[in-house]
Amino acid sequence: MTKMTEFKLSELDEEELMLGDEPEDPKLLAGIFTKMKPNQLYKVQFRSTSSTKMMETYIKRLQENGLKIGKGDAEFGYRMPLPENDAFNRYLVIFRRR
């Protein structure tokens, strides 16, 4: 299995996100994610008490903004790993397959 590396936002991308309508704005990130190379990942932070429903809604919003993300043959995939017992945050891990 190929090792995944973390995708780093450029300074311009970070600035654009800071000026966006909301933190980690799916509309902006859908465009930024197209710069990812295969086997790169990006973590979107949620509170550990957040349900997976919030993450699923986030995925749906990425799809609505043109990102081909999903299971199976989609260009981008995602995982929702369980947080550690004492963790305050939970992450939605988005990665590029090809």
N, C-alpha and C. Protein backbone atom coordinates (compact mmCIF):
# COMPACT_ATOMS: atom_id res chain seq x y z
N MET A 1 0.83 -1.18 0.00
CA MET A 1 0.00 0.00 0.00
C MET A 1 0.88 1.25 0.00
N THR A 2 0.53 2.22 -0.79
CA THR A 2 1.29 3.45 -0.90
C THR A 2 1.05 4.33 0.32
N LYS A 3 2.13 4.92 0.82
CA LYS A 3 2.02 5.79 1.99
C LYS A 3 1.39 7.12 1.61
N MET A 4 0.47 7.58 2.44
CA MET A 4 -0.19 8.87 2.24
C MET A 4 0.65 9.97 2.87
N THR A 5 0.69 11.11 2.21
CA THR A 5 1.35 12.29 2.77
C THR A 5 0.33 13.39 2.93
N GLU A 6 0.58 14.27 3.89
CA GLU A 6 -0.38 15.34 4.16
C GLU A 6 -0.24 16.46 3.13
N PHE A 7 -1.38 16.92 2.63
CA PHE A 7 -1.45 18.03 1.69
C PHE A 7 -1.34 19.33 2.47
N LYS A 8 -0.43 20.18 2.07
CA LYS A 8 -0.22 21.47 2.74
C LYS A 8 -0.85 22.57 1.89
N LEU A 9 -1.68 23.38 2.52
CA LEU A 9 -2.28 24.52 1.82
C LEU A 9 -1.21 25.57 1.55
N SER A 10 -1.30 26.22 0.41
CA SER A 10 -0.39 27.33 0.12
C SER A 10 -0.83 28.52 0.97
N GLU A 11 0.04 29.51 1.10
CA GLU A 11 -0.31 30.71 1.85
C GLU A 11 -1.54 31.40 1.24
N LEU A 12 -1.59 31.42 -0.08
CA LEU A 12 -2.73 32.03 -0.77
C LEU A 12 -4.03 31.28 -0.47
N ASP A 13 -3.96 29.94 -0.47
CA ASP A 13 -5.14 29.13 -0.15
C ASP A 13 -5.58 29.37 1.30
N GLU A 14 -4.62 29.45 2.21
CA GLU A 14 -4.95 29.69 3.62
C GLU A 14 -5.63 31.05 3.79
N GLU A 15 -5.10 32.04 3.09
CA GLU A 15 -5.67 33.38 3.16
C GLU A 15 -7.11 33.38 2.61
N GLU A 16 -7.30 32.69 1.49
CA GLU A 16 -8.63 32.60 0.88
C GLU A 16 -9.63 31.95 1.84
N LEU A 17 -9.18 30.89 2.55
CA LEU A 17 -10.05 30.23 3.51
C LEU A 17 -10.38 31.14 4.69
N MET A 18 -9.40 31.91 5.14
CA MET A 18 -9.63 32.83 6.26
C MET A 18 -10.66 33.89 5.90
N LEU A 19 -10.69 34.29 4.63
CA LEU A 19 -11.62 35.32 4.18
C LEU A 19 -12.96 34.74 3.73
N GLY A 20 -13.07 33.42 3.74
CA GLY A 20 -14.30 32.75 3.29
C GLY A 20 -15.45 32.93 4.25
N ASP A 21 -16.59 32.42 3.86
CA ASP A 21 -17.81 32.55 4.64
C ASP A 21 -17.78 31.76 5.94
N GLU A 22 -17.01 30.68 5.98
CA GLU A 22 -16.95 29.84 7.17
C GLU A 22 -15.60 29.13 7.21
N PRO A 23 -15.16 28.69 8.40
CA PRO A 23 -13.90 27.94 8.47
C PRO A 23 -14.02 26.65 7.66
N GLU A 24 -12.97 26.28 6.98
CA GLU A 24 -12.96 25.04 6.18
C GLU A 24 -14.12 25.01 5.19
N ASP A 25 -14.40 26.14 4.57
CA ASP A 25 -15.52 26.30 3.64
C ASP A 25 -15.47 25.25 2.53
N PRO A 26 -16.48 24.36 2.45
CA PRO A 26 -16.47 23.31 1.42
C PRO A 26 -16.44 23.87 0.00
N LYS A 27 -17.05 25.01 -0.21
CA LYS A 27 -17.05 25.60 -1.55
C LYS A 27 -15.64 25.95 -1.98
N LEU A 28 -14.85 26.53 -1.08
CA LEU A 28 -13.46 26.89 -1.39
C LEU A 28 -12.57 25.65 -1.43
N LEU A 29 -12.75 24.76 -0.46
CA LEU A 29 -11.89 23.57 -0.41
C LEU A 29 -12.11 22.64 -1.59
N ALA A 30 -13.31 22.58 -2.13
CA ALA A 30 -13.56 21.73 -3.30
C ALA A 30 -12.62 22.13 -4.44
N GLY A 31 -12.39 23.41 -4.62
CA GLY A 31 -11.46 23.87 -5.65
C GLY A 31 -10.01 23.64 -5.27
N ILE A 32 -9.69 23.88 -4.01
CA ILE A 32 -8.31 23.70 -3.53
C ILE A 32 -7.90 22.24 -3.61
N PHE A 33 -8.82 21.33 -3.30
CA PHE A 33 -8.49 19.90 -3.31
C PHE A 33 -8.06 19.40 -4.69
N THR A 34 -8.46 20.07 -5.74
CA THR A 34 -8.05 19.63 -7.08
C THR A 34 -6.55 19.80 -7.27
N LYS A 35 -5.88 20.54 -6.39
CA LYS A 35 -4.42 20.70 -6.45
C LYS A 35 -3.69 19.54 -5.77
N MET A 36 -4.44 18.70 -5.06
CA MET A 36 -3.82 17.56 -4.37
C MET A 36 -3.28 16.57 -5.39
N LYS A 37 -2.19 15.93 -5.03
CA LYS A 37 -1.64 14.85 -5.84
C LYS A 37 -2.19 13.53 -5.32
N PRO A 38 -2.16 12.49 -6.15
CA PRO A 38 -2.60 11.18 -5.66
C PRO A 38 -1.83 10.80 -4.39
N ASN A 39 -2.53 10.16 -3.47
CA ASN A 39 -1.99 9.70 -2.19
C ASN A 39 -1.65 10.83 -1.23
N GLN A 40 -2.27 11.98 -1.43
CA GLN A 40 -2.17 13.05 -0.45
C GLN A 40 -3.49 13.12 0.31
N LEU A 41 -3.43 13.58 1.56
CA LEU A 41 -4.62 13.67 2.38
C LEU A 41 -4.71 15.03 3.06
N TYR A 42 -5.91 15.39 3.46
CA TYR A 42 -6.17 16.63 4.18
C TYR A 42 -7.18 16.31 5.27
N LYS A 43 -6.95 16.83 6.46
CA LYS A 43 -7.83 16.56 7.60
C LYS A 43 -8.68 17.79 7.91
N VAL A 44 -9.99 17.59 7.96
CA VAL A 44 -10.92 18.63 8.36
C VAL A 44 -11.34 18.33 9.80
N GLN A 45 -11.17 19.30 10.65
CA GLN A 45 -11.38 19.12 12.09
C GLN A 45 -12.83 19.34 12.51
N PHE A 46 -13.33 18.44 13.35
CA PHE A 46 -14.65 18.54 13.95
C PHE A 46 -14.49 18.29 15.45
N ARG A 47 -15.45 18.71 16.25
CA ARG A 47 -15.42 18.37 17.68
C ARG A 47 -15.62 16.88 17.83
N SER A 48 -14.99 16.29 18.82
CA SER A 48 -15.11 14.84 19.02
C SER A 48 -16.54 14.44 19.36
N THR A 49 -17.33 15.39 19.85
CA THR A 49 -18.73 15.09 20.16
C THR A 49 -19.63 15.19 18.93
N SER A 50 -19.07 15.64 17.81
CA SER A 50 -19.85 15.76 16.58
C SER A 50 -20.26 14.39 16.07
N SER A 51 -21.46 14.31 15.57
CA SER A 51 -21.91 13.05 14.98
C SER A 51 -21.35 12.94 13.56
N THR A 52 -21.39 11.73 13.03
CA THR A 52 -20.93 11.54 11.65
C THR A 52 -21.86 12.23 10.67
N LYS A 53 -23.07 12.56 11.11
CA LYS A 53 -24.04 13.26 10.25
C LYS A 53 -23.45 14.60 9.77
N MET A 54 -22.75 15.31 10.66
CA MET A 54 -22.13 16.57 10.28
C MET A 54 -21.06 16.35 9.21
N MET A 55 -20.30 15.28 9.36
CA MET A 55 -19.26 14.95 8.39
C MET A 55 -19.89 14.55 7.05
N GLU A 56 -20.96 13.79 7.10
CA GLU A 56 -21.66 13.37 5.88
C GLU A 56 -22.23 14.58 5.16
N THR A 57 -22.75 15.54 5.91
CA THR A 57 -23.26 16.78 5.31
C THR A 57 -22.12 17.54 4.65
N TYR A 58 -20.97 17.55 5.29
CA TYR A 58 -19.79 18.23 4.73
C TYR A 58 -19.39 17.58 3.40
N ILE A 59 -19.37 16.24 3.36
CA ILE A 59 -19.05 15.51 2.12
C ILE A 59 -20.05 15.87 1.04
N LYS A 60 -21.33 15.90 1.40
CA LYS A 60 -22.38 16.25 0.43
C LYS A 60 -22.16 17.66 -0.13
N ARG A 61 -21.75 18.58 0.73
CA ARG A 61 -21.49 19.96 0.29
C ARG A 61 -20.28 20.02 -0.65
N LEU A 62 -19.27 19.19 -0.39
CA LEU A 62 -18.12 19.12 -1.32
C LEU A 62 -18.60 18.61 -2.68
N GLN A 63 -19.45 17.59 -2.67
CA GLN A 63 -19.98 17.04 -3.92
C GLN A 63 -20.80 18.09 -4.67
N GLU A 64 -21.61 18.85 -3.95
CA GLU A 64 -22.43 19.90 -4.56
C GLU A 64 -21.58 20.99 -5.20
N ASN A 65 -20.34 21.12 -4.71
CA ASN A 65 -19.42 22.12 -5.26
C ASN A 65 -18.44 21.53 -6.26
N GLY A 66 -18.77 20.34 -6.79
CA GLY A 66 -18.04 19.79 -7.92
C GLY A 66 -16.94 18.80 -7.61
N LEU A 67 -16.69 18.48 -6.33
CA LEU A 67 -15.63 17.52 -6.02
C LEU A 67 -16.16 16.11 -6.19
N LYS A 68 -15.43 15.30 -6.93
CA LYS A 68 -15.84 13.91 -7.18
C LYS A 68 -15.32 13.06 -6.02
N ILE A 69 -16.08 13.06 -4.94
CA ILE A 69 -15.68 12.36 -3.72
C ILE A 69 -16.73 11.34 -3.36
N GLY A 70 -16.26 10.17 -2.94
CA GLY A 70 -17.19 9.12 -2.57
C GLY A 70 -16.45 7.81 -2.38
N LYS A 71 -17.20 6.76 -2.36
CA LYS A 71 -16.63 5.42 -2.19
C LYS A 71 -16.39 4.80 -3.56
N GLY A 72 -15.61 3.75 -3.59
CA GLY A 72 -15.40 3.01 -4.83
C GLY A 72 -14.48 3.68 -5.80
N ASP A 73 -15.01 4.08 -6.95
CA ASP A 73 -14.19 4.55 -8.06
C ASP A 73 -14.05 6.08 -8.12
N ALA A 74 -14.54 6.80 -7.13
CA ALA A 74 -14.45 8.27 -7.14
C ALA A 74 -12.99 8.71 -7.06
N GLU A 75 -12.70 9.86 -7.64
CA GLU A 75 -11.33 10.40 -7.65
C GLU A 75 -10.82 10.68 -6.24
N PHE A 76 -11.72 11.15 -5.36
CA PHE A 76 -11.37 11.45 -3.98
C PHE A 76 -12.15 10.52 -3.06
N GLY A 77 -11.52 10.15 -1.95
CA GLY A 77 -12.18 9.32 -0.95
C GLY A 77 -12.11 10.00 0.40
N TYR A 78 -12.71 9.36 1.39
CA TYR A 78 -12.69 9.92 2.74
C TYR A 78 -12.79 8.81 3.78
N ARG A 79 -12.34 9.16 4.98
CA ARG A 79 -12.46 8.28 6.15
C ARG A 79 -12.93 9.13 7.32
N MET A 80 -13.60 8.48 8.25
CA MET A 80 -14.05 9.14 9.47
C MET A 80 -13.55 8.34 10.67
N PRO A 81 -12.24 8.36 10.92
CA PRO A 81 -11.72 7.53 12.01
C PRO A 81 -12.27 7.98 13.37
N LEU A 82 -12.42 7.01 14.25
CA LEU A 82 -12.87 7.32 15.60
C LEU A 82 -11.78 8.08 16.34
N PRO A 83 -12.16 9.05 17.18
CA PRO A 83 -11.15 9.79 17.94
C PRO A 83 -10.60 8.92 19.08
N GLU A 84 -9.43 9.28 19.56
CA GLU A 84 -8.87 8.62 20.74
C GLU A 84 -9.80 8.93 21.92
N ASN A 85 -9.73 8.15 22.96
CA ASN A 85 -10.64 8.29 24.11
C ASN A 85 -10.66 9.69 24.71
N ASP A 86 -9.49 10.33 24.81
CA ASP A 86 -9.42 11.63 25.47
C ASP A 86 -9.29 12.79 24.48
N ALA A 87 -9.55 12.54 23.21
CA ALA A 87 -9.38 13.57 22.18
C ALA A 87 -10.54 14.57 22.20
N PHE A 88 -10.20 15.82 21.94
CA PHE A 88 -11.21 16.87 21.87
C PHE A 88 -11.72 17.04 20.44
N ASN A 89 -10.94 16.53 19.48
CA ASN A 89 -11.28 16.71 18.07
C ASN A 89 -11.40 15.38 17.36
N ARG A 90 -12.16 15.42 16.29
CA ARG A 90 -12.30 14.29 15.39
C ARG A 90 -12.02 14.82 14.00
N TYR A 91 -11.45 13.99 13.13
CA TYR A 91 -11.07 14.45 11.80
C TYR A 91 -11.78 13.67 10.71
N LEU A 92 -12.19 14.42 9.70
CA LEU A 92 -12.65 13.83 8.45
C LEU A 92 -11.43 13.85 7.56
N VAL A 93 -10.96 12.69 7.14
CA VAL A 93 -9.74 12.59 6.33
C VAL A 93 -10.15 12.44 4.87
N ILE A 94 -9.73 13.41 4.06
CA ILE A 94 -10.05 13.41 2.63
C ILE A 94 -8.76 13.13 1.88
N PHE A 95 -8.81 12.22 0.91
CA PHE A 95 -7.60 11.86 0.18
C PHE A 95 -7.89 11.72 -1.31
N ARG A 96 -6.84 11.87 -2.09
CA ARG A 96 -6.96 11.72 -3.54
C ARG A 96 -6.47 10.33 -3.96
N ARG A 97 -7.30 9.63 -4.68
CA ARG A 97 -6.95 8.29 -5.14
C ARG A 97 -6.09 8.31 -6.42
N ARG A 98 -6.49 9.14 -7.36
CA ARG A 98 -5.78 9.17 -8.66
C ARG A 98 -5.71 10.57 -9.20
